[in-house]
């Protein structure tokens, strides 16, 4: 365990002292559940955070769709 990890644990344990027993039990349950999650689920969540979308179209088709959807308006500005 690194120094940073020890410091984090000490900091959180100080915060937990003020909780009532029911809250502490709930916290233990949630920590236990987080330990049971598989690494694959963590990887999936990581990759989902990038905002990518799944599409059957090729990159060229997507680019063409975007370009065809552009609309330009000429607007004159007077100064």
PDB file of N, CA and C in Angstrom:
ATOM      1  N   UNK A   1       0.849  -1.160   0.000  1.00  0.00           N
ATOM      2  CA  UNK A   1       0.000   0.000   0.000  1.00  0.00           C
ATOM      3  C   UNK A   1       0.907   1.240   0.000  1.00  0.00           C
ATOM      4  N   UNK A   2       0.573   2.164  -0.877  1.00  0.00           N
ATOM      5  CA  UNK A   2       1.389   3.368  -1.000  1.00  0.00           C
ATOM      6  C   UNK A   2       1.046   4.370   0.094  1.00  0.00           C
ATOM      7  N   UNK A   3       1.905   5.357   0.247  1.00  0.00           N
ATOM      8  CA  UNK A   3       1.669   6.412   1.225  1.00  0.00           C
ATOM      9  C   UNK A   3       0.363   7.136   0.921  1.00  0.00           C
ATOM     10  N   UNK A   4       0.117   7.394  -0.354  1.00  0.00           N
ATOM     11  CA  UNK A   4      -1.100   8.098  -0.762  1.00  0.00           C
ATOM     12  C   UNK A   4      -2.343   7.295  -0.391  1.00  0.00           C
ATOM     13  N   UNK A   5      -2.313   6.001  -0.652  1.00  0.00           N
ATOM     14  CA  UNK A   5      -3.456   5.149  -0.303  1.00  0.00           C
ATOM     15  C   UNK A   5      -3.697   5.139   1.200  1.00  0.00           C
ATOM     16  N   UNK A   6      -2.622   5.071   1.991  1.00  0.00           N
ATOM     17  CA  UNK A   6      -2.761   5.099   3.446  1.00  0.00           C
ATOM     18  C   UNK A   6      -3.379   6.426   3.892  1.00  0.00           C
ATOM     19  N   UNK A   7      -2.929   7.501   3.303  1.00  0.00           N
ATOM     20  CA  UNK A   7      -3.446   8.830   3.660  1.00  0.00           C
ATOM     21  C   UNK A   7      -4.943   8.943   3.318  1.00  0.00           C
ATOM     22  N   UNK A   8      -5.330   8.431   2.169  1.00  0.00           N
ATOM     23  CA  UNK A   8      -6.740   8.452   1.777  1.00  0.00           C
ATOM     24  C   UNK A   8      -7.579   7.655   2.761  1.00  0.00           C
ATOM     25  N   UNK A   9      -7.103   6.480   3.133  1.00  0.00           N
ATOM     26  CA  UNK A   9      -7.841   5.633   4.075  1.00  0.00           C
ATOM     27  C   UNK A   9      -7.971   6.319   5.430  1.00  0.00           C
ATOM     28  N   UNK A  10      -6.903   6.925   5.903  1.00  0.00           N
ATOM     29  CA  UNK A  10      -6.959   7.625   7.183  1.00  0.00           C
ATOM     30  C   UNK A  10      -7.933   8.801   7.134  1.00  0.00           C
ATOM     31  N   UNK A  11      -7.921   9.531   6.044  1.00  0.00           N
ATOM     32  CA  UNK A  11      -8.813  10.676   5.896  1.00  0.00           C
ATOM     33  C   UNK A  11     -10.269  10.233   5.899  1.00  0.00           C
ATOM     34  N   UNK A  12     -10.586   9.219   5.104  1.00  0.00           N
ATOM     35  CA  UNK A  12     -11.966   8.728   5.052  1.00  0.00           C
ATOM     36  C   UNK A  12     -12.401   8.113   6.375  1.00  0.00           C
ATOM     37  N   UNK A  13     -11.526   7.378   7.016  1.00  0.00           N
ATOM     38  CA  UNK A  13     -11.925   6.748   8.285  1.00  0.00           C
ATOM     39  C   UNK A  13     -12.238   7.814   9.330  1.00  0.00           C
ATOM     40  N   UNK A  14     -11.554   8.942   9.291  1.00  0.00           N
ATOM     41  CA  UNK A  14     -11.883  10.044  10.194  1.00  0.00           C
ATOM     42  C   UNK A  14     -13.258  10.613   9.912  1.00  0.00           C
ATOM     43  N   UNK A  15     -13.623  10.665   8.642  1.00  0.00           N
ATOM     44  CA  UNK A  15     -14.949  11.170   8.267  1.00  0.00           C
ATOM     45  C   UNK A  15     -16.038  10.188   8.683  1.00  0.00           C
ATOM     46  N   UNK A  16     -15.749   8.900   8.639  1.00  0.00           N
ATOM     47  CA  UNK A  16     -16.747   7.885   8.941  1.00  0.00           C
ATOM     48  C   UNK A  16     -17.068   7.800  10.430  1.00  0.00           C
ATOM     49  N   UNK A  17     -16.189   8.311  11.280  1.00  0.00           N
ATOM     50  CA  UNK A  17     -16.423   8.240  12.718  1.00  0.00           C
ATOM     51  C   UNK A  17     -17.692   8.987  13.110  1.00  0.00           C
ATOM     52  N   UNK A  18     -18.058  10.003  12.355  1.00  0.00           N
ATOM     53  CA  UNK A  18     -19.240  10.784  12.669  1.00  0.00           C
ATOM     54  C   UNK A  18     -20.547  10.162  12.194  1.00  0.00           C
ATOM     55  N   UNK A  19     -20.462   9.093  11.426  1.00  0.00           N
ATOM     56  CA  UNK A  19     -21.677   8.450  10.908  1.00  0.00           C
ATOM     57  C   UNK A  19     -22.315   7.562  11.959  1.00  0.00           C
ATOM     58  N   UNK A  20     -23.625   7.375  11.839  1.00  0.00           N
ATOM     59  CA  UNK A  20     -24.293   6.437  12.744  1.00  0.00           C
ATOM     60  C   UNK A  20     -24.065   5.010  12.236  1.00  0.00           C
ATOM     61  N   UNK A  21     -24.436   4.031  13.053  1.00  0.00           N
ATOM     62  CA  UNK A  21     -24.157   2.623  12.726  1.00  0.00           C
ATOM     63  C   UNK A  21     -24.845   2.171  11.444  1.00  0.00           C
ATOM     64  N   UNK A  22     -26.069   2.647  11.209  1.00  0.00           N
ATOM     65  CA  UNK A  22     -26.796   2.254  10.000  1.00  0.00           C
ATOM     66  C   UNK A  22     -26.069   2.747   8.749  1.00  0.00           C
ATOM     67  N   UNK A  23     -25.593   3.958   8.802  1.00  0.00           N
ATOM     68  CA  UNK A  23     -24.868   4.518   7.658  1.00  0.00           C
ATOM     69  C   UNK A  23     -23.564   3.765   7.416  1.00  0.00           C
ATOM     70  N   UNK A  24     -22.892   3.401   8.489  1.00  0.00           N
ATOM     71  CA  UNK A  24     -21.643   2.644   8.358  1.00  0.00           C
ATOM     72  C   UNK A  24     -21.898   1.279   7.723  1.00  0.00           C
ATOM     73  N   UNK A  25     -22.989   0.617   8.128  1.00  0.00           N
ATOM     74  CA  UNK A  25     -23.335  -0.686   7.545  1.00  0.00           C
ATOM     75  C   UNK A  25     -23.633  -0.527   6.055  1.00  0.00           C
ATOM     76  N   UNK A  26     -24.369   0.508   5.700  1.00  0.00           N
ATOM     77  CA  UNK A  26     -24.671   0.767   4.278  1.00  0.00           C
ATOM     78  C   UNK A  26     -23.381   0.992   3.494  1.00  0.00           C
ATOM     79  N   UNK A  27     -22.461   1.732   4.075  1.00  0.00           N
ATOM     80  CA  UNK A  27     -21.171   1.982   3.427  1.00  0.00           C
ATOM     81  C   UNK A  27     -20.395   0.687   3.224  1.00  0.00           C
ATOM     82  N   UNK A  28     -20.392  -0.175   4.232  1.00  0.00           N
ATOM     83  CA  UNK A  28     -19.705  -1.466   4.127  1.00  0.00           C
ATOM     84  C   UNK A  28     -20.327  -2.308   3.017  1.00  0.00           C
ATOM     85  N   UNK A  29     -21.648  -2.310   2.925  1.00  0.00           N
ATOM     86  CA  UNK A  29     -22.325  -3.081   1.874  1.00  0.00           C
ATOM     87  C   UNK A  29     -21.942  -2.575   0.491  1.00  0.00           C
ATOM     88  N   UNK A  30     -21.914  -1.266   0.338  1.00  0.00           N
ATOM     89  CA  UNK A  30     -21.562  -0.709  -0.977  1.00  0.00           C
ATOM     90  C   UNK A  30     -20.113  -0.988  -1.334  1.00  0.00           C
ATOM     91  N   UNK A  31     -19.223  -0.897  -0.361  1.00  0.00           N
ATOM     92  CA  UNK A  31     -17.822  -1.225  -0.621  1.00  0.00           C
ATOM     93  C   UNK A  31     -17.672  -2.694  -1.000  1.00  0.00           C
ATOM     94  N   UNK A  32     -18.418  -3.563  -0.324  1.00  0.00           N
ATOM     95  CA  UNK A  32     -18.379  -4.994  -0.641  1.00  0.00           C
ATOM     96  C   UNK A  32     -18.848  -5.254  -2.069  1.00  0.00           C
ATOM     97  N   UNK A  33     -19.933  -4.575  -2.468  1.00  0.00           N
ATOM     98  CA  UNK A  33     -20.439  -4.736  -3.833  1.00  0.00           C
ATOM     99  C   UNK A  33     -19.420  -4.253  -4.854  1.00  0.00           C
ATOM    100  N   UNK A  34     -18.722  -3.166  -4.526  1.00  0.00           N
ATOM    101  CA  UNK A  34     -17.744  -2.638  -5.482  1.00  0.00           C
ATOM    102  C   UNK A  34     -16.573  -3.604  -5.663  1.00  0.00           C
ATOM    103  N   UNK A  35     -16.249  -4.376  -4.626  1.00  0.00           N
ATOM    104  CA  UNK A  35     -15.179  -5.366  -4.732  1.00  0.00           C
ATOM    105  C   UNK A  35     -15.579  -6.544  -5.602  1.00  0.00           C
ATOM    106  N   UNK A  36     -16.877  -6.835  -5.658  1.00  0.00           N
ATOM    107  CA  UNK A  36     -17.363  -7.975  -6.419  1.00  0.00           C
ATOM    108  C   UNK A  36     -17.454  -7.706  -7.912  1.00  0.00           C
ATOM    109  N   UNK A  37     -17.421  -6.428  -8.301  1.00  0.00           N
ATOM    110  CA  UNK A  37     -17.510  -6.107  -9.725  1.00  0.00           C
ATOM    111  C   UNK A  37     -16.277  -6.638 -10.439  1.00  0.00           C
ATOM    112  N   UNK A  38     -16.489  -7.128 -11.624  1.00  0.00           N
ATOM    113  CA  UNK A  38     -15.370  -7.686 -12.373  1.00  0.00           C
ATOM    114  C   UNK A  38     -14.582  -6.575 -13.062  1.00  0.00           C
ATOM    115  N   UNK A  39     -13.370  -6.892 -13.414  1.00  0.00           N
ATOM    116  CA  UNK A  39     -12.525  -5.940 -14.138  1.00  0.00           C
ATOM    117  C   UNK A  39     -13.112  -5.607 -15.500  1.00  0.00           C
ATOM    118  N   UNK A  40     -13.783  -6.575 -16.097  1.00  0.00           N
ATOM    119  CA  UNK A  40     -14.381  -6.347 -17.413  1.00  0.00           C
ATOM    120  C   UNK A  40     -15.440  -5.256 -17.339  1.00  0.00           C
ATOM    121  N   UNK A  41     -16.233  -5.270 -16.291  1.00  0.00           N
ATOM    122  CA  UNK A  41     -17.261  -4.236 -16.118  1.00  0.00           C
ATOM    123  C   UNK A  41     -16.609  -2.866 -15.972  1.00  0.00           C
ATOM    124  N   UNK A  42     -15.492  -2.805 -15.267  1.00  0.00           N
ATOM    125  CA  UNK A  42     -14.784  -1.533 -15.105  1.00  0.00           C
ATOM    126  C   UNK A  42     -14.252  -1.048 -16.446  1.00  0.00           C
ATOM    127  N   UNK A  43     -13.719  -1.965 -17.245  1.00  0.00           N
ATOM    128  CA  UNK A  43     -13.221  -1.594 -18.568  1.00  0.00           C
ATOM    129  C   UNK A  43     -14.355  -1.085 -19.448  1.00  0.00           C
ATOM    130  N   UNK A  44     -15.502  -1.765 -19.405  1.00  0.00           N
ATOM    131  CA  UNK A  44     -16.653  -1.327 -20.189  1.00  0.00           C
ATOM    132  C   UNK A  44     -17.082   0.072 -19.797  1.00  0.00           C
ATOM    133  N   UNK A  45     -17.155   0.342 -18.504  1.00  0.00           N
ATOM    134  CA  UNK A  45     -17.533   1.673 -18.047  1.00  0.00           C
ATOM    135  C   UNK A  45     -16.526   2.710 -18.507  1.00  0.00           C
ATOM    136  N   UNK A  46     -15.251   2.359 -18.504  1.00  0.00           N
ATOM    137  CA  UNK A  46     -14.214   3.275 -18.957  1.00  0.00           C
ATOM    138  C   UNK A  46     -14.413   3.617 -20.429  1.00  0.00           C
ATOM    139  N   UNK A  47     -14.625   2.612 -21.263  1.00  0.00           N
ATOM    140  CA  UNK A  47     -14.777   2.869 -22.693  1.00  0.00           C
ATOM    141  C   UNK A  47     -16.102   3.554 -23.014  1.00  0.00           C
ATOM    142  N   UNK A  48     -17.140   3.315 -22.212  1.00  0.00           N
ATOM    143  CA  UNK A  48     -18.422   3.985 -22.430  1.00  0.00           C
ATOM    144  C   UNK A  48     -18.338   5.470 -22.137  1.00  0.00           C
ATOM    145  N   UNK A  49     -17.372   5.872 -21.338  1.00  0.00           N
ATOM    146  CA  UNK A  49     -17.270   7.274 -20.945  1.00  0.00           C
ATOM    147  C   UNK A  49     -16.750   8.170 -22.065  1.00  0.00           C
ATOM    148  N   UNK A  50     -16.332   7.616 -23.170  1.00  0.00           N
ATOM    149  CA  UNK A  50     -15.783   8.420 -24.247  1.00  0.00           C
ATOM    150  C   UNK A  50     -16.843   9.036 -25.154  1.00  0.00           C
ATOM    151  N   UNK A  51     -18.066   8.624 -25.067  1.00  0.00           N
ATOM    152  CA  UNK A  51     -19.131   9.219 -25.852  1.00  0.00           C
ATOM    153  C   UNK A  51     -19.178   8.738 -27.293  1.00  0.00           C
ATOM    154  N   UNK A  52     -18.512   7.664 -27.599  1.00  0.00           N
ATOM    155  CA  UNK A  52     -18.554   7.125 -28.951  1.00  0.00           C
ATOM    156  C   UNK A  52     -19.917   6.497 -29.207  1.00  0.00           C
ATOM    157  N   UNK A  53     -20.252   6.352 -30.472  1.00  0.00           N
ATOM    158  CA  UNK A  53     -21.514   5.704 -30.806  1.00  0.00           C
ATOM    159  C   UNK A  53     -21.243   4.585 -31.799  1.00  0.00           C
ATOM    160  N   UNK A  54     -22.097   3.599 -31.766  1.00  0.00           N
ATOM    161  CA  UNK A  54     -21.956   2.457 -32.662  1.00  0.00           C
ATOM    162  C   UNK A  54     -22.763   2.726 -33.922  1.00  0.00           C
ATOM    163  N   UNK A  55     -22.161   2.438 -35.058  1.00  0.00           N
ATOM    164  CA  UNK A  55     -22.837   2.641 -36.329  1.00  0.00           C
ATOM    165  C   UNK A  55     -22.337   1.609 -37.322  1.00  0.00           C
ATOM    166  N   UNK A  56     -23.210   1.208 -38.184  1.00  0.00           N
ATOM    167  CA  UNK A  56     -22.833   0.250 -39.226  1.00  0.00           C
ATOM    168  C   UNK A  56     -22.189   0.954 -40.416  1.00  0.00           C
ATOM    169  N   UNK A  57     -22.313   2.281 -40.472  1.00  0.00           N
ATOM    170  CA  UNK A  57     -21.766   3.046 -41.592  1.00  0.00           C
ATOM    171  C   UNK A  57     -20.251   3.151 -41.469  1.00  0.00           C
ATOM    172  N   UNK A  58     -19.607   3.291 -42.612  1.00  0.00           N
ATOM    173  CA  UNK A  58     -18.165   3.495 -42.603  1.00  0.00           C
ATOM    174  C   UNK A  58     -17.877   4.958 -42.254  1.00  0.00           C
ATOM    175  N   UNK A  59     -16.640   5.234 -41.940  1.00  0.00           N
ATOM    176  CA  UNK A  59     -16.254   6.604 -41.586  1.00  0.00           C
ATOM    177  C   UNK A  59     -16.539   7.555 -42.740  1.00  0.00           C
ATOM    178  N   UNK A  60     -16.293   7.104 -43.957  1.00  0.00           N
ATOM    179  CA  UNK A  60     -16.523   7.953 -45.132  1.00  0.00           C
ATOM    180  C   UNK A  60     -18.002   8.297 -45.289  1.00  0.00           C
ATOM    181  N   UNK A  61     -18.874   7.319 -45.028  1.00  0.00           N
ATOM    182  CA  UNK A  61     -20.316   7.570 -45.125  1.00  0.00           C
ATOM    183  C   UNK A  61     -20.781   8.563 -44.054  1.00  0.00           C
ATOM    184  N   UNK A  62     -20.241   8.426 -42.870  1.00  0.00           N
ATOM    185  CA  UNK A  62     -20.607   9.349 -41.793  1.00  0.00           C
ATOM    186  C   UNK A  62     -20.151  10.759 -42.133  1.00  0.00           C
ATOM    187  N   UNK A  63     -18.929  10.888 -42.645  1.00  0.00           N
ATOM    188  CA  UNK A  63     -18.406  12.200 -43.036  1.00  0.00           C
ATOM    189  C   UNK A  63     -19.266  12.807 -44.129  1.00  0.00           C
ATOM    190  N   UNK A  64     -19.647  11.998 -45.115  1.00  0.00           N
ATOM    191  CA  UNK A  64     -20.492  12.492 -46.204  1.00  0.00           C
ATOM    192  C   UNK A  64     -21.849  12.961 -45.672  1.00  0.00           C
ATOM    193  N   UNK A  65     -22.431  12.227 -44.740  1.00  0.00           N
ATOM    194  CA  UNK A  65     -23.706  12.635 -44.143  1.00  0.00           C
ATOM    195  C   UNK A  65     -23.572  13.968 -43.421  1.00  0.00           C
ATOM    196  N   UNK A  66     -22.509  14.132 -42.682  1.00  0.00           N
ATOM    197  CA  UNK A  66     -22.300  15.381 -41.947  1.00  0.00           C
ATOM    198  C   UNK A  66     -22.132  16.539 -42.921  1.00  0.00           C
ATOM    199  N   UNK A  67     -21.320  16.336 -43.936  1.00  0.00           N
ATOM    200  CA  UNK A  67     -21.087  17.412 -44.907  1.00  0.00           C
ATOM    201  C   UNK A  67     -22.352  17.755 -45.686  1.00  0.00           C
ATOM    202  N   UNK A  68     -23.150  16.759 -46.020  1.00  0.00           N
ATOM    203  CA  UNK A  68     -24.370  17.038 -46.779  1.00  0.00           C
ATOM    204  C   UNK A  68     -25.417  17.748 -45.912  1.00  0.00           C
ATOM    205  N   UNK A  69     -25.325  17.584 -44.619  1.00  0.00           N
ATOM    206  CA  UNK A  69     -26.276  18.220 -43.724  1.00  0.00           C
ATOM    207  C   UNK A  69     -25.933  19.655 -43.368  1.00  0.00           C
ATOM    208  N   UNK A  70     -24.784  20.122 -43.786  1.00  0.00           N
ATOM    209  CA  UNK A  70     -24.386  21.496 -43.481  1.00  0.00           C
ATOM    210  C   UNK A  70     -25.197  22.474 -44.308  1.00  0.00           C
ATOM    211  N   UNK A  71     -25.562  23.562 -43.672  1.00  0.00           N
ATOM    212  CA  UNK A  71     -26.290  24.607 -44.375  1.00  0.00           C
ATOM    213  C   UNK A  71     -25.606  25.933 -44.072  1.00  0.00           C
ATOM    214  N   UNK A  72     -25.214  26.597 -45.117  1.00  0.00           N
ATOM    215  CA  UNK A  72     -24.552  27.882 -44.958  1.00  0.00           C
ATOM    216  C   UNK A  72     -25.485  28.989 -45.402  1.00  0.00           C
ATOM    217  N   UNK A  73     -25.502  30.026 -44.642  1.00  0.00           N
ATOM    218  CA  UNK A  73     -26.303  31.192 -45.007  1.00  0.00           C
ATOM    219  C   UNK A  73     -25.368  32.386 -45.119  1.00  0.00           C
ATOM    220  N   UNK A  74     -25.581  33.154 -46.133  1.00  0.00           N
ATOM    221  CA  UNK A  74     -24.794  34.372 -46.269  1.00  0.00           C
ATOM    222  C   UNK A  74     -25.530  35.466 -45.519  1.00  0.00           C
ATOM    223  N   UNK A  75     -24.826  36.068 -44.638  1.00  0.00           N
ATOM    224  CA  UNK A  75     -25.437  37.111 -43.847  1.00  0.00           C
ATOM    225  C   UNK A  75     -24.513  38.322 -43.910  1.00  0.00           C
ATOM    226  N   UNK A  76     -25.073  39.407 -44.292  1.00  0.00           N
ATOM    227  CA  UNK A  76     -24.271  40.605 -44.404  1.00  0.00           C
ATOM    228  C   UNK A  76     -24.330  41.377 -43.110  1.00  0.00           C
ATOM    229  N   UNK A  77     -23.190  41.858 -42.714  1.00  0.00           N
ATOM    230  CA  UNK A  77     -23.089  42.662 -41.504  1.00  0.00           C
ATOM    231  C   UNK A  77     -22.746  44.080 -41.896  1.00  0.00           C
ATOM    232  N   UNK A  78     -23.450  44.995 -41.332  1.00  0.00           N
ATOM    233  CA  UNK A  78     -23.137  46.385 -41.597  1.00  0.00           C
ATOM    234  C   UNK A  78     -22.463  46.966 -40.361  1.00  0.00           C
ATOM    235  N   UNK A  79     -21.422  47.695 -40.634  1.00  0.00           N
ATOM    236  CA  UNK A  79     -20.686  48.279 -39.526  1.00  0.00           C
ATOM    237  C   UNK A  79     -20.904  49.768 -39.459  1.00  0.00           C
TER     238      UNK A  79
END
